[in-house]
Amino acid sequence: MGMWTMIALIAIVAILAGVFESHSKNKRRAASSEQLDALNERIDNMESELRNRIETLEAIVTDRSSNLKREFDYLDKAS
């Protein structure tokens, strides 16, 4: 095998290795992006649920004492 053939083979292998590495990085970024989107959606759902719970607690606390007792009794029976 001649010197120029060897140089050409080394160049081709280096180019293929670069293409493979670039492809691998892009694939990892896409997976990370999907995971981030899933986590953001989960956080949004939890935030919404917590807001609903806080609104319920605020309504119970600001209600009259007679209704407050009735709500606590209802919550004890529900759980």
Protein backbone atom coordinates (compact mmCIF):
# COMPACT_ATOMS: atom_id res chain seq x y z
CA MET A 1 0.00 0.00 0.00
CA GLY A 2 1.39 3.37 -0.97
CA MET A 3 1.91 6.42 1.16
CA TRP A 4 -0.92 8.40 -0.52
CA THR A 5 -3.35 5.52 -0.12
CA MET A 6 -2.53 5.35 3.58
CA ILE A 7 -3.02 9.12 3.97
CA ALA A 8 -6.37 8.90 2.17
CA LEU A 9 -7.53 6.03 4.42
CA ILE A 10 -6.53 7.91 7.56
CA ALA A 11 -8.42 11.00 6.36
CA ILE A 12 -11.52 8.95 5.54
CA VAL A 13 -11.45 7.22 8.96
CA ALA A 14 -11.05 10.60 10.71
CA ILE A 15 -13.98 12.08 8.79
CA LEU A 16 -16.20 9.07 9.55
CA ALA A 17 -15.26 9.25 13.24
CA GLY A 18 -16.21 12.94 13.30
CA VAL A 19 -19.55 12.26 11.64
CA PHE A 20 -20.30 9.44 14.10
CA GLU A 21 -19.39 11.63 17.10
CA SER A 22 -21.58 14.48 15.83
CA HIS A 23 -24.49 12.10 15.29
CA SER A 24 -24.09 10.71 18.82
CA LYS A 25 -24.08 14.20 20.38
CA ASN A 26 -27.24 15.19 18.51
CA LYS A 27 -28.97 12.02 19.63
CA ARG A 28 -28.09 12.69 23.30
CA ARG A 29 -29.30 16.29 23.03
CA ALA A 30 -32.65 15.15 21.63
CA ALA A 31 -33.09 12.68 24.50
CA SER A 32 -32.21 15.36 27.05
CA SER A 33 -34.68 17.75 25.46
CA GLU A 34 -37.47 15.16 25.65
CA GLN A 35 -36.70 14.48 29.30
CA LEU A 36 -36.70 18.19 30.06
CA ASP A 37 -40.09 18.62 28.37
CA ALA A 38 -41.52 15.71 30.39
CA LEU A 39 -40.20 17.20 33.64
CA ASN A 40 -41.63 20.62 32.79
CA GLU A 41 -45.04 19.06 32.12
CA ARG A 42 -44.89 17.16 35.40
CA ILE A 43 -43.99 20.34 37.31
CA ASP A 44 -46.88 22.22 35.67
CA ASN A 45 -49.31 19.48 36.69
CA MET A 46 -48.03 19.48 40.27
CA GLU A 47 -48.25 23.27 40.42
CA SER A 48 -51.85 23.20 39.26
CA GLU A 49 -52.74 20.54 41.82
CA LEU A 50 -51.06 22.50 44.62
CA ARG A 51 -52.90 25.68 43.61
CA ASN A 52 -56.21 23.83 43.86
CA ARG A 53 -55.32 22.49 47.28
CA ILE A 54 -54.27 25.92 48.54
CA GLU A 55 -57.50 27.49 47.25
CA THR A 56 -59.50 24.82 49.08
CA LEU A 57 -57.60 25.40 52.30
CA GLU A 58 -58.04 29.17 52.00
CA ALA A 59 -61.77 28.72 51.50
CA ILE A 60 -61.98 26.51 54.59
CA VAL A 61 -59.92 28.85 56.77
CA THR A 62 -61.78 32.02 55.76
CA ASP A 63 -65.22 30.41 56.15
CA ARG A 64 -67.30 30.85 59.30
CA SER A 65 -66.47 28.59 62.27
CA SER A 66 -69.70 26.58 61.95
CA ASN A 67 -68.90 25.74 58.35
CA LEU A 68 -65.28 25.09 59.31
CA LYS A 69 -66.30 22.37 61.77
CA ARG A 70 -68.57 20.82 59.14
CA GLU A 71 -65.75 20.83 56.56
CA PHE A 72 -63.33 19.16 58.99
CA ASP A 73 -65.94 16.51 59.78
CA TYR A 74 -66.45 15.95 56.07
CA LEU A 75 -62.69 15.64 55.48
CA ASP A 76 -62.36 13.14 58.36
CA LYS A 77 -65.12 10.99 56.85
CA ALA A 78 -63.62 11.23 53.34
CA SER A 79 -60.20 9.95 54.41
